[in-house]
Amino acid sequence: MKKSQANSVRMRRVITRGIVATTALAAVAGVAAPGTAVAKPSDAVAAAAGIGTSDTQRVDAAAVVRLDPSPEVLLLSDRDFLHALWQKARDAGPTLESVRLAAEEAMVSGSADDHVRFIATGIHQAYELDKQREKDRADAERAARLAKSQALIAVGIPSSPDLLGLSDDNFVRAVMKHEASGREVKDAAARALAGDAAAWREFITNGAREAHNRDVANDLIELEKKNREEAERRKELAARKNAAALFGISPSEATLALSDDNFIRELLRATTGDAQNTELYAAGQKAVLSSDAAQWKQFIHTGAEQAYKRDDEARRRKIADANRRHAQEIQAAAEKTGMNPYLVATAKKALAGSDEDVVNFLKDESQYRAKRQSLTPSGGKQAGWYIRQSSVDGGEAFVAPVTAKSKPADREDATWVVVDSLTKQQPGCYSFESVRKPGYYLTQKDLRVRMSANDASAQFAKDATWCARKGLTGSGTSFESAGQPGRWLRHFWGDLYAADKSGKTRQDTAENFAQDATWKLDVPLAR
């Protein structure tokens, strides 16, 4: 524990703040039991301890990330408590992504008010975003599973957990190969498989059912030439099966034999949960409440399909809006750090495009690729020079001229994926992963900077971590070595070092130090 933090702890053990701390400390320090009057600290004491939040606010904030509000945690300064919250949010992964990003923004700020604001209210606002995104994701998964079930029912394929669990493209393949699928269904499936993910989803949601209806219509045309009455009976049966499929129901023979109004009532009766809050359910209710038999028949033959498509459009819009909010959040966070300008540009391009462009951007592999950057000295003397490595030189890093017209291998050697630091100790620190050799990072060893394979050791994580600071020249960005605090990523006579101005080695000269240790994140040479 830091000396200042230890002093803060001792101070607060003497003058506790609030019932929570009093209760917790009573068990370990023998202080007054809960309910005993305890003096509130003076403003001077709280200021000295770096505390501007109450214990209630801290306990509430800790609950969001499942941080144990132990006495030691409650006695941390606001900044250290915020760091503890960030660590738990980071470890939780995507489920607390908004909380992590908001915590990082607060930590980067040097304002105590920003730290207090995050603990008191910001963490809860960010958590609401995470909860909504998790709900949207779960809703989308349920809708996708329901769409598969509806497609199977419509075509006449027995449903099973294995089928419903298939990826979209494999589900389409399974439908195409099934003996229950007619020629139109098989052809529609083949066309979908020749397309992209959006084509697969459209086949599942509407294409399979509509193709099956065409198969039925073709059969009826042939039948009608021989037996008009039987053709009409089968047409009615097909309409009922299609309507039932939209409700996600496999109708029994008895259900199919009901009168129109009672058939609709049976569909409504079997509908449960959120499915009752749909256009399809409302249209069914409206039809069955009518005394006009023509409205019952119209619902079965066309009304159910129309209502279902309105629901489908609303579902797609909701998912698309949620995806755009998430992409905007990623863009905003990247803009604030300034470390991933290519990610920002990629997000903007996706948001300016189609909903499918946004979906593609949100894929993990797309975001990872968008974190590529090339690093160039910020001074004008080395314009067109970039940090690169060379396997021939044992992975040693240096600055050299590279252009967009250079060989692909050279451009990859001069492009790095800017990822969160391998140490995962604090925001604002990063590691630079090689595009040419994934799993290799820009690291310092004996003050020389080279590209090395991650050996998963704690020391390697430190040596491959660089903390971004405002450029030493007043602009651009400078990177302090986590493995060698006080030393900065510097180019000296073309080579790269973790250097300072001590003069201990030739690269530690103070001459041109600020210029040589200041960098600009440029468009990735290899995209």
Protein backbone atom coordinates (compact mmCIF):
# COMPACT_ATOMS: atom_id res chain seq x y z
CA MET A 1 0.00 0.00 0.00
CA LYS A 2 1.27 3.48 -0.85
CA LYS A 3 2.45 5.66 2.05
CA SER A 4 -0.22 8.31 1.39
CA GLN A 5 -2.85 5.61 1.20
CA ALA A 6 -1.66 4.06 4.49
CA ASN A 7 -1.88 7.46 6.17
CA SER A 8 -5.39 7.82 4.81
CA VAL A 9 -6.34 4.44 6.25
CA ARG A 10 -4.98 5.26 9.70
CA MET A 11 -6.73 8.62 9.66
CA ARG A 12 -10.10 7.12 8.79
CA ARG A 13 -9.74 4.42 11.45
CA VAL A 14 -9.65 7.19 14.00
CA ILE A 15 -12.46 9.23 12.49
CA THR A 16 -14.88 6.93 10.70
CA ARG A 17 -17.37 8.16 8.14
CA GLY A 18 -20.84 6.63 8.24
CA ILE A 19 -22.62 3.61 9.57
CA VAL A 20 -21.14 1.12 7.05
CA ALA A 21 -17.55 1.84 8.04
CA THR A 22 -18.50 1.91 11.73
CA THR A 23 -20.18 -1.49 11.50
CA ALA A 24 -17.33 -3.05 9.54
CA LEU A 25 -14.65 -1.69 11.86
CA ALA A 26 -16.53 -2.68 15.01
CA ALA A 27 -15.78 -6.33 14.27
CA VAL A 28 -12.06 -5.85 13.69
CA ALA A 29 -11.07 -2.86 15.82
CA GLY A 30 -13.42 -3.00 18.80
CA VAL A 31 -14.93 0.41 18.17
CA ALA A 32 -18.44 1.41 19.19
CA ALA A 33 -21.22 -0.92 18.11
CA PRO A 34 -23.70 0.16 15.40
CA GLY A 35 -25.99 2.85 16.62
CA THR A 36 -23.36 4.60 18.71
CA ALA A 37 -22.91 8.24 17.77
CA VAL A 38 -19.72 8.75 15.81
CA ALA A 39 -18.23 12.09 14.98
CA LYS A 40 -18.23 13.02 11.31
CA PRO A 41 -14.82 13.93 9.90
CA SER A 42 -14.00 17.52 9.23
CA ASP A 43 -13.70 18.77 5.68
CA ALA A 44 -9.96 19.05 6.25
CA VAL A 45 -9.67 15.37 7.21
CA ALA A 46 -11.69 14.21 4.21
CA ALA A 47 -9.68 16.41 1.88
CA ALA A 48 -6.41 15.08 3.28
CA ALA A 49 -7.59 11.51 2.72
CA GLY A 50 -8.68 12.27 -0.83
CA ILE A 51 -12.28 11.38 -0.01
CA GLY A 52 -15.35 13.11 -1.38
CA THR A 53 -17.82 10.23 -1.35
CA SER A 54 -19.91 8.64 1.36
CA ASP A 55 -19.77 5.00 2.42
CA THR A 56 -23.29 4.48 1.10
CA GLN A 57 -22.21 5.71 -2.32
CA ARG A 58 -19.18 3.43 -2.22
CA VAL A 59 -21.13 0.35 -1.18
CA ASP A 60 -23.68 1.01 -3.93
CA ALA A 61 -20.91 1.47 -6.50
CA ALA A 62 -19.10 -1.68 -5.32
CA ALA A 63 -22.30 -3.70 -5.71
CA VAL A 64 -22.39 -2.91 -9.44
CA VAL A 65 -19.07 -4.66 -10.13
CA ARG A 66 -19.30 -7.15 -7.22
CA LEU A 67 -16.41 -5.59 -5.38
CA ASP A 68 -16.24 -6.66 -1.73
CA PRO A 69 -16.72 -3.45 0.32
CA SER A 70 -14.27 -4.52 3.00
CA PRO A 71 -13.01 -2.01 5.57
CA GLU A 72 -9.77 -1.65 3.62
CA VAL A 73 -11.66 -0.92 0.40
CA LEU A 74 -13.95 1.61 2.07
CA LEU A 75 -10.91 3.43 3.44
CA LEU A 76 -9.30 3.97 0.04
CA SER A 77 -9.03 7.42 -1.46
CA ASP A 78 -11.58 8.18 -4.17
CA ARG A 79 -8.95 7.68 -6.87
CA ASP A 80 -7.81 4.31 -5.50
CA PHE A 81 -11.40 3.20 -4.96
CA LEU A 82 -12.18 4.16 -8.55
CA HIS A 83 -9.19 2.07 -9.67
CA ALA A 84 -10.56 -0.93 -7.74
CA LEU A 85 -13.94 -0.52 -9.45
CA TRP A 86 -12.23 -0.32 -12.85
CA GLN A 87 -10.28 -3.53 -12.23
CA LYS A 88 -13.47 -5.46 -11.42
CA ALA A 89 -15.26 -4.04 -14.48
CA ARG A 90 -12.28 -4.93 -16.68
CA ASP A 91 -12.21 -8.49 -15.36
CA ALA A 92 -15.95 -8.86 -16.04
CA GLY A 93 -15.37 -8.45 -19.78
CA PRO A 94 -18.11 -7.39 -22.23
CA THR A 95 -20.89 -7.54 -19.61
CA LEU A 96 -19.53 -4.38 -17.94
CA GLU A 97 -17.95 -2.70 -20.97
CA SER A 98 -19.74 0.63 -20.48
CA VAL A 99 -18.75 0.72 -16.80
CA ARG A 100 -15.12 0.01 -17.74
CA LEU A 101 -15.05 2.73 -20.39
CA ALA A 102 -16.67 5.28 -18.08
CA ALA A 103 -14.23 4.37 -15.28
CA GLU A 104 -11.28 4.81 -17.63
CA GLU A 105 -12.53 8.22 -18.66
CA ALA A 106 -12.83 9.25 -15.00
CA MET A 107 -9.39 7.84 -14.14
CA VAL A 108 -7.69 9.66 -16.98
CA SER A 109 -9.13 12.88 -15.61
CA GLY A 110 -7.10 14.54 -12.90
CA SER A 111 -10.21 16.15 -11.42
CA ALA A 112 -11.32 14.89 -8.00
CA ASP A 113 -14.85 16.00 -8.92
CA ASP A 114 -14.83 13.57 -11.85
CA HIS A 115 -13.80 10.74 -9.51
CA VAL A 116 -16.61 11.57 -7.11
CA ARG A 117 -19.12 11.92 -9.92
CA PHE A 118 -18.31 8.48 -11.29
CA ILE A 119 -18.56 6.77 -7.91
CA ALA A 120 -21.77 8.54 -6.94
CA THR A 121 -23.70 8.46 -10.23
CA GLY A 122 -21.56 7.69 -13.28
CA ILE A 123 -21.08 4.02 -12.54
CA HIS A 124 -24.84 3.53 -12.24
CA GLN A 125 -25.56 5.36 -15.49
CA ALA A 126 -22.95 3.26 -17.29
CA TYR A 127 -24.34 0.09 -15.73
CA GLU A 128 -27.79 0.90 -17.11
CA LEU A 129 -26.22 0.98 -20.58
CA ASP A 130 -24.60 -2.40 -19.96
CA LYS A 131 -27.86 -3.89 -18.70
CA GLN A 132 -29.77 -2.57 -21.69
CA ARG A 133 -27.17 -3.92 -24.10
CA GLU A 134 -27.29 -7.32 -22.37
CA LYS A 135 -31.09 -7.31 -22.58
CA ASP A 136 -30.96 -6.33 -26.25
CA ARG A 137 -28.50 -9.14 -26.91
CA ALA A 138 -30.69 -11.69 -25.10
CA ASP A 139 -33.78 -10.43 -26.94
CA ALA A 140 -31.97 -10.73 -30.26
CA GLU A 141 -30.89 -14.30 -29.46
CA ARG A 142 -34.43 -15.27 -28.50
CA ALA A 143 -35.83 -13.68 -31.64
CA ALA A 144 -33.25 -15.50 -33.79
CA ARG A 145 -34.11 -18.83 -32.17
CA LEU A 146 -37.84 -18.17 -32.58
CA ALA A 147 -37.34 -17.31 -36.26
CA LYS A 148 -35.59 -20.65 -36.80
CA SER A 149 -38.40 -22.47 -35.03
CA GLN A 150 -41.00 -20.69 -37.16
CA ALA A 151 -39.11 -21.57 -40.35
CA LEU A 152 -39.00 -25.25 -39.39
CA ILE A 153 -42.70 -25.34 -38.54
CA ALA A 154 -43.63 -23.59 -41.79
CA VAL A 155 -41.63 -25.98 -43.97
CA GLY A 156 -42.71 -29.02 -41.98
CA ILE A 157 -39.34 -30.00 -40.51
CA PRO A 158 -39.38 -31.44 -36.97
CA SER A 159 -37.71 -29.01 -34.58
CA SER A 160 -34.84 -30.06 -32.31
CA PRO A 161 -32.35 -28.33 -30.00
CA ASP A 162 -29.53 -29.36 -32.34
CA LEU A 163 -31.17 -27.68 -35.33
CA LEU A 164 -32.05 -24.54 -33.39
CA GLY A 165 -28.49 -24.31 -32.07
CA LEU A 166 -26.88 -24.26 -35.50
CA SER A 167 -25.20 -21.12 -36.82
CA ASP A 168 -27.31 -19.27 -39.39
CA ASP A 169 -25.44 -20.58 -42.44
CA ASN A 170 -25.47 -24.18 -41.20
CA PHE A 171 -29.16 -23.89 -40.37
CA VAL A 172 -29.87 -22.79 -43.94
CA ARG A 173 -27.84 -25.77 -45.21
CA ALA A 174 -29.81 -28.13 -42.97
CA VAL A 175 -33.12 -26.80 -44.31
CA MET A 176 -31.87 -27.05 -47.90
CA LYS A 177 -30.89 -30.71 -47.46
CA HIS A 178 -34.02 -31.82 -45.60
CA GLU A 179 -36.44 -34.11 -47.45
CA ALA A 180 -39.41 -31.98 -46.35
CA SER A 181 -38.11 -28.98 -48.29
CA GLY A 182 -39.60 -28.45 -51.73
CA ARG A 183 -37.87 -27.17 -54.84
CA GLU A 184 -38.59 -23.49 -54.08
CA VAL A 185 -37.24 -23.83 -50.53
CA LYS A 186 -34.07 -25.56 -51.73
CA ASP A 187 -33.49 -22.92 -54.41
CA ALA A 188 -34.08 -20.06 -51.96
CA ALA A 189 -31.67 -21.67 -49.48
CA ALA A 190 -29.00 -22.01 -52.17
CA ARG A 191 -29.38 -18.34 -53.10
CA ALA A 192 -29.11 -17.34 -49.44
CA LEU A 193 -25.94 -19.38 -48.95
CA ALA A 194 -24.39 -17.62 -51.93
CA GLY A 195 -24.95 -14.32 -50.10
CA ASP A 196 -23.80 -12.86 -46.79
CA ALA A 197 -24.97 -13.12 -43.18
CA ALA A 198 -27.86 -10.75 -43.89
CA ALA A 199 -29.10 -13.09 -46.64
CA TRP A 200 -28.98 -16.05 -44.25
CA ARG A 201 -31.01 -14.17 -41.64
CA GLU A 202 -33.58 -13.07 -44.23
CA PHE A 203 -34.02 -16.65 -45.43
CA ILE A 204 -34.61 -17.81 -41.86
CA THR A 205 -36.99 -14.98 -40.96
CA ASN A 206 -39.06 -14.81 -44.14
CA GLY A 207 -37.45 -16.60 -47.09
CA ALA A 208 -38.01 -20.22 -46.04
CA ARG A 209 -41.67 -19.63 -45.22
CA GLU A 210 -42.34 -17.66 -48.39
CA ALA A 211 -40.54 -20.24 -50.53
CA HIS A 212 -42.58 -23.01 -48.92
CA ASN A 213 -45.74 -21.06 -49.73
CA ARG A 214 -44.61 -20.99 -53.36
CA ASP A 215 -44.06 -24.75 -53.26
CA VAL A 216 -47.58 -25.17 -51.91
CA ALA A 217 -49.01 -22.82 -54.55
CA ASN A 218 -47.27 -24.77 -57.32
CA ASP A 219 -48.68 -28.03 -55.99
CA LEU A 220 -52.14 -26.53 -55.79
CA ILE A 221 -52.01 -25.36 -59.40
CA GLU A 222 -51.36 -28.93 -60.49
CA LEU A 223 -54.01 -30.29 -58.16
CA GLU A 224 -56.62 -27.74 -59.20
CA LYS A 225 -56.51 -29.08 -62.74
CA LYS A 226 -57.67 -32.44 -61.40
CA ASN A 227 -59.74 -31.63 -58.31
CA ARG A 228 -60.77 -28.04 -57.58
CA GLU A 229 -62.49 -28.94 -54.30
CA GLU A 230 -59.44 -30.75 -52.94
CA ALA A 231 -57.23 -27.86 -54.06
CA GLU A 232 -59.34 -25.39 -52.07
CA ARG A 233 -59.20 -27.64 -48.99
CA ARG A 234 -55.42 -27.84 -49.15
CA LYS A 235 -55.14 -24.12 -49.75
CA GLU A 236 -57.08 -23.47 -46.56
CA LEU A 237 -54.97 -26.00 -44.67
CA ALA A 238 -51.76 -24.38 -45.89
CA ALA A 239 -52.96 -20.93 -44.81
CA ARG A 240 -53.73 -22.24 -41.31
CA LYS A 241 -50.38 -23.98 -40.96
CA ASN A 242 -48.62 -20.81 -42.08
CA ALA A 243 -50.53 -18.67 -39.56
CA ALA A 244 -49.76 -21.15 -36.79
CA ALA A 245 -46.07 -21.11 -37.74
CA LEU A 246 -46.01 -17.33 -37.29
CA PHE A 247 -47.17 -17.91 -33.71
CA GLY A 248 -44.47 -20.55 -33.31
CA ILE A 249 -47.07 -23.31 -32.97
CA SER A 250 -47.20 -26.77 -34.57
CA PRO A 251 -50.99 -27.24 -34.86
CA SER A 252 -52.65 -30.58 -34.21
CA GLU A 253 -55.18 -32.09 -36.61
CA ALA A 254 -57.92 -31.13 -34.15
CA THR A 255 -56.74 -27.51 -34.12
CA LEU A 256 -56.61 -27.39 -37.92
CA ALA A 257 -60.22 -28.65 -38.06
CA LEU A 258 -61.62 -25.83 -35.89
CA SER A 259 -63.82 -23.07 -37.29
CA ASP A 260 -61.95 -19.91 -38.33
CA ASP A 261 -62.76 -17.94 -35.20
CA ASN A 262 -61.97 -20.82 -32.84
CA PHE A 263 -58.78 -21.58 -34.73
CA ILE A 264 -57.62 -17.99 -34.07
CA ARG A 265 -58.68 -18.27 -30.43
CA GLU A 266 -56.56 -21.39 -30.06
CA LEU A 267 -53.53 -19.58 -31.49
CA LEU A 268 -54.04 -16.71 -29.05
CA ARG A 269 -54.54 -19.10 -26.13
CA ALA A 270 -51.22 -20.82 -26.84
CA THR A 271 -49.36 -17.50 -27.00
CA THR A 272 -47.53 -16.62 -23.79
CA GLY A 273 -45.10 -14.06 -22.37
CA ASP A 274 -43.68 -11.24 -24.44
CA ALA A 275 -45.24 -12.71 -27.60
CA GLN A 276 -48.54 -11.21 -26.42
CA ASN A 277 -47.05 -7.72 -26.82
CA THR A 278 -46.85 -7.99 -30.59
CA GLU A 279 -48.66 -6.72 -33.65
CA LEU A 280 -49.41 -10.34 -34.53
CA TYR A 281 -51.19 -11.01 -31.25
CA ALA A 282 -53.07 -7.69 -31.39
CA ALA A 283 -54.22 -8.37 -34.96
CA GLY A 284 -55.44 -11.81 -33.91
CA GLN A 285 -57.37 -10.34 -31.00
CA LYS A 286 -58.96 -7.73 -33.24
CA ALA A 287 -60.03 -10.38 -35.74
CA VAL A 288 -61.52 -12.77 -33.20
CA LEU A 289 -63.45 -9.99 -31.46
CA SER A 290 -65.18 -9.20 -34.75
CA SER A 291 -68.44 -10.87 -35.67
CA ASP A 292 -67.50 -10.69 -39.36
CA ALA A 293 -66.42 -14.11 -40.64
CA ALA A 294 -64.60 -12.42 -43.53
CA GLN A 295 -62.22 -10.77 -41.05
CA TRP A 296 -61.40 -14.15 -39.48
CA LYS A 297 -60.52 -15.59 -42.87
CA GLN A 298 -58.59 -12.48 -43.89
CA PHE A 299 -56.44 -12.74 -40.75
CA ILE A 300 -55.66 -16.40 -41.39
CA HIS A 301 -54.79 -15.91 -45.07
CA THR A 302 -53.03 -12.52 -45.12
CA GLY A 303 -53.48 -10.49 -41.92
CA ALA A 304 -51.26 -12.67 -39.74
CA GLU A 305 -48.45 -12.47 -42.29
CA GLN A 306 -48.73 -8.69 -42.53
CA ALA A 307 -48.73 -8.26 -38.74
CA TYR A 308 -45.76 -10.61 -38.38
CA LYS A 309 -43.74 -8.57 -40.86
CA ARG A 310 -44.49 -5.40 -38.93
CA ASP A 311 -43.17 -7.13 -35.81
CA ASP A 312 -40.13 -8.32 -37.70
CA GLU A 313 -39.36 -4.82 -38.92
CA ALA A 314 -39.71 -3.45 -35.38
CA ARG A 315 -37.36 -6.15 -34.04
CA ARG A 316 -34.78 -5.39 -36.71
CA ARG A 317 -34.99 -1.67 -36.03
CA LYS A 318 -34.57 -2.21 -32.28
CA ILE A 319 -31.50 -4.39 -32.81
CA ALA A 320 -30.05 -1.96 -35.35
CA ASP A 321 -30.56 1.00 -32.99
CA ALA A 322 -28.88 -0.89 -30.14
CA ASN A 323 -25.95 -1.78 -32.38
CA ARG A 324 -25.53 1.83 -33.43
CA ARG A 325 -25.56 3.00 -29.81
CA HIS A 326 -22.84 0.47 -29.00
CA ALA A 327 -20.73 1.52 -31.98
CA GLN A 328 -21.12 5.18 -31.00
CA GLU A 329 -20.01 4.33 -27.47
CA ILE A 330 -16.89 2.58 -28.78
CA GLN A 331 -16.17 5.54 -31.06
CA ALA A 332 -16.58 8.07 -28.25
CA ALA A 333 -14.30 6.12 -25.91
CA ALA A 334 -11.61 5.82 -28.60
CA GLU A 335 -11.86 9.55 -29.36
CA LYS A 336 -11.23 10.39 -25.71
CA THR A 337 -8.08 8.29 -25.42
CA GLY A 338 -6.72 9.44 -28.79
CA MET A 339 -4.83 6.16 -29.10
CA ASN A 340 -6.94 4.51 -31.81
CA PRO A 341 -7.74 7.13 -34.46
CA TYR A 342 -8.15 4.42 -37.11
CA LEU A 343 -10.75 2.72 -34.90
CA VAL A 344 -12.58 6.05 -34.67
CA ALA A 345 -12.48 6.47 -38.45
CA THR A 346 -13.68 2.89 -38.97
CA ALA A 347 -16.55 3.39 -36.53
CA LYS A 348 -17.60 6.60 -38.25
CA LYS A 349 -17.56 4.89 -41.64
CA ALA A 350 -19.68 2.02 -40.33
CA LEU A 351 -22.18 4.36 -38.68
CA ALA A 352 -22.50 6.30 -41.93
CA GLY A 353 -23.25 3.04 -43.75
CA SER A 354 -25.89 0.35 -43.50
CA ASP A 355 -27.06 -1.55 -40.43
CA GLU A 356 -25.07 -4.52 -41.70
CA ASP A 357 -21.93 -2.35 -41.82
CA VAL A 358 -22.43 -1.62 -38.11
CA VAL A 359 -22.92 -5.33 -37.35
CA ASN A 360 -19.65 -6.12 -39.12
CA PHE A 361 -17.81 -3.37 -37.25
CA LEU A 362 -18.97 -4.74 -33.89
CA LYS A 363 -17.47 -8.16 -34.55
CA ASP A 364 -14.44 -8.76 -32.35
CA GLU A 365 -12.15 -9.46 -35.28
CA SER A 366 -13.23 -6.24 -37.02
CA GLN A 367 -12.57 -4.09 -33.95
CA TYR A 368 -9.22 -5.80 -33.40
CA ARG A 369 -8.21 -5.02 -36.98
CA ALA A 370 -9.42 -1.43 -36.61
CA LYS A 371 -7.00 -0.94 -33.70
CA ARG A 372 -4.09 -1.00 -36.14
CA GLN A 373 -1.89 2.11 -36.21
CA SER A 374 1.50 3.13 -37.52
CA LEU A 375 3.72 5.29 -35.31
CA THR A 376 5.82 8.08 -36.73
CA PRO A 377 8.05 10.70 -35.02
CA SER A 378 5.98 13.82 -34.47
CA GLY A 379 8.78 16.15 -35.61
CA GLY A 380 9.09 17.05 -39.26
CA LYS A 381 12.66 15.80 -39.63
CA GLN A 382 11.63 12.16 -40.04
CA ALA A 383 8.52 12.65 -42.16
CA GLY A 384 7.58 9.34 -43.73
CA TRP A 385 9.58 7.34 -41.16
CA TYR A 386 7.81 4.80 -38.95
CA ILE A 387 8.51 2.45 -36.08
CA ARG A 388 9.10 -0.97 -37.62
CA GLN A 389 10.84 -4.23 -36.89
CA SER A 390 12.87 -6.63 -38.94
CA SER A 391 13.04 -10.38 -38.35
CA VAL A 392 16.44 -10.37 -40.07
CA ASP A 393 17.69 -8.09 -37.29
CA GLY A 394 16.32 -10.33 -34.54
CA GLY A 395 13.15 -8.28 -34.17
CA GLU A 396 14.99 -5.10 -33.20
CA ALA A 397 12.82 -2.03 -33.59
CA PHE A 398 13.91 1.12 -35.36
CA VAL A 399 12.52 3.98 -37.43
CA ALA A 400 12.80 3.79 -41.20
CA PRO A 401 11.06 5.21 -44.26
CA VAL A 402 8.00 3.19 -45.32
CA THR A 403 5.24 4.27 -47.70
CA ALA A 404 1.86 3.03 -48.84
CA LYS A 405 3.65 1.71 -51.94
CA SER A 406 6.19 -0.34 -50.01
CA LYS A 407 6.07 -4.13 -50.10
CA PRO A 408 3.23 -5.63 -48.01
CA ALA A 409 5.74 -7.27 -45.66
CA ASP A 410 7.43 -3.91 -44.99
CA ARG A 411 4.10 -2.22 -44.38
CA GLU A 412 3.07 -4.97 -41.95
CA ASP A 413 6.41 -4.61 -40.12
CA ALA A 414 5.57 -0.92 -39.63
CA THR A 415 2.01 -1.48 -38.38
CA TRP A 416 1.00 -2.29 -34.80
CA VAL A 417 -2.25 -3.23 -33.08
CA VAL A 418 -2.72 -0.80 -30.19
CA VAL A 419 -4.32 -2.91 -27.44
CA ASP A 420 -4.92 -2.48 -23.72
CA SER A 421 -1.73 -3.03 -21.76
CA LEU A 422 -0.70 -6.60 -21.01
CA THR A 423 -0.29 -5.64 -17.34
CA LYS A 424 -3.95 -4.59 -17.11
CA GLN A 425 -2.96 -2.42 -14.17
CA GLN A 426 -4.28 0.94 -15.24
CA PRO A 427 -6.00 2.67 -18.14
CA GLY A 428 -3.96 4.95 -20.33
CA CYS A 429 -1.32 2.25 -20.83
CA TYR A 430 -1.05 0.14 -23.97
CA SER A 431 0.84 -2.64 -25.66
CA PHE A 432 1.77 -2.69 -29.34
CA GLU A 433 1.17 -6.06 -31.00
CA SER A 434 2.85 -6.89 -34.29
CA VAL A 435 0.58 -7.16 -37.32
CA ARG A 436 3.19 -9.31 -39.05
CA LYS A 437 3.56 -11.70 -36.11
CA PRO A 438 0.52 -11.80 -33.79
CA GLY A 439 1.50 -12.60 -30.21
CA TYR A 440 4.71 -10.56 -30.54
CA TYR A 441 4.90 -7.14 -28.90
CA LEU A 442 7.04 -4.02 -28.89
CA THR A 443 9.03 -4.51 -25.69
CA GLN A 444 12.14 -3.22 -23.97
CA LYS A 445 14.92 -5.44 -22.73
CA ASP A 446 18.08 -3.95 -21.28
CA LEU A 447 16.69 -0.60 -22.49
CA ARG A 448 16.78 -1.70 -26.16
CA VAL A 449 13.36 -1.90 -27.83
CA ARG A 450 12.58 -4.93 -29.96
CA MET A 451 9.68 -7.15 -31.01
CA SER A 452 9.45 -10.22 -28.78
CA ALA A 453 7.07 -13.13 -28.27
CA ASN A 454 4.80 -12.89 -25.24
CA ASP A 455 6.00 -15.47 -22.72
CA ALA A 456 3.02 -14.73 -20.41
CA SER A 457 5.33 -13.64 -17.57
CA ALA A 458 4.60 -10.64 -15.37
CA GLN A 459 7.94 -9.11 -16.31
CA PHE A 460 7.24 -9.40 -20.01
CA ALA A 461 3.84 -7.75 -19.50
CA LYS A 462 5.58 -4.80 -17.83
CA ASP A 463 8.29 -4.55 -20.47
CA ALA A 464 5.66 -4.63 -23.24
CA THR A 465 3.52 -1.92 -21.64
CA TRP A 466 3.83 1.76 -22.58
CA CYS A 467 1.85 4.45 -20.79
CA ALA A 468 0.61 7.26 -23.01
CA ARG A 469 1.36 10.79 -21.83
CA LYS A 470 0.96 14.20 -23.38
CA GLY A 471 3.79 14.69 -25.84
CA LEU A 472 6.97 16.01 -24.22
CA THR A 473 7.08 18.68 -26.92
CA GLY A 474 3.58 19.87 -25.97
CA SER A 475 1.86 18.01 -28.80
CA GLY A 476 1.66 14.42 -30.00
CA THR A 477 2.06 11.51 -27.57
CA SER A 478 4.98 10.24 -25.52
CA PHE A 479 5.16 6.73 -24.07
CA GLU A 480 6.64 5.97 -20.66
CA SER A 481 7.92 2.43 -20.12
CA ALA A 482 6.04 0.47 -17.45
CA GLY A 483 9.03 -1.85 -17.14
CA GLN A 484 11.42 1.10 -16.71
CA PRO A 485 9.42 3.95 -15.14
CA GLY A 486 10.91 7.33 -15.92
CA ARG A 487 12.20 6.11 -19.27
CA TRP A 488 10.50 6.91 -22.53
CA LEU A 489 10.17 5.33 -25.95
CA ARG A 490 12.83 7.21 -27.91
CA HIS A 491 14.45 6.92 -31.30
CA PHE A 492 18.17 7.68 -31.32
CA TRP A 493 20.15 7.44 -34.52
CA GLY A 494 17.38 5.34 -36.00
CA ASP A 495 17.22 2.76 -33.19
CA LEU A 496 14.58 2.57 -30.44
CA TYR A 497 15.30 2.66 -26.71
CA ALA A 498 13.66 3.12 -23.33
CA ALA A 499 15.61 6.28 -22.54
CA ASP A 500 15.81 9.23 -20.18
CA LYS A 501 17.91 12.40 -20.00
CA SER A 502 20.33 11.14 -17.36
CA GLY A 503 23.30 10.89 -19.72
CA LYS A 504 24.14 7.42 -18.34
CA THR A 505 24.24 5.97 -21.84
CA ARG A 506 24.66 7.53 -25.26
CA GLN A 507 20.92 7.30 -25.94
CA ASP A 508 20.18 9.07 -22.64
CA THR A 509 21.47 12.40 -23.92
CA ALA A 510 19.26 15.38 -23.18
CA GLU A 511 19.82 16.81 -26.64
CA ASN A 512 16.61 16.66 -28.73
CA PHE A 513 15.14 14.32 -26.11
CA ALA A 514 11.60 15.76 -26.21
CA GLN A 515 11.46 15.64 -30.01
CA ASP A 516 12.89 12.12 -30.19
CA ALA A 517 10.45 10.82 -27.56
CA THR A 518 7.27 12.28 -29.03
CA TRP A 519 5.16 10.33 -31.51
CA LYS A 520 2.15 10.61 -33.75
CA LEU A 521 -0.34 7.80 -34.32
CA ASP A 522 -0.75 7.65 -38.08
CA VAL A 523 -3.00 5.80 -40.53
CA PRO A 524 -2.00 2.11 -40.52
CA LEU A 525 0.26 1.27 -43.44
CA ALA A 526 -1.18 -2.26 -43.48
CA ARG A 527 -4.97 -2.21 -43.02
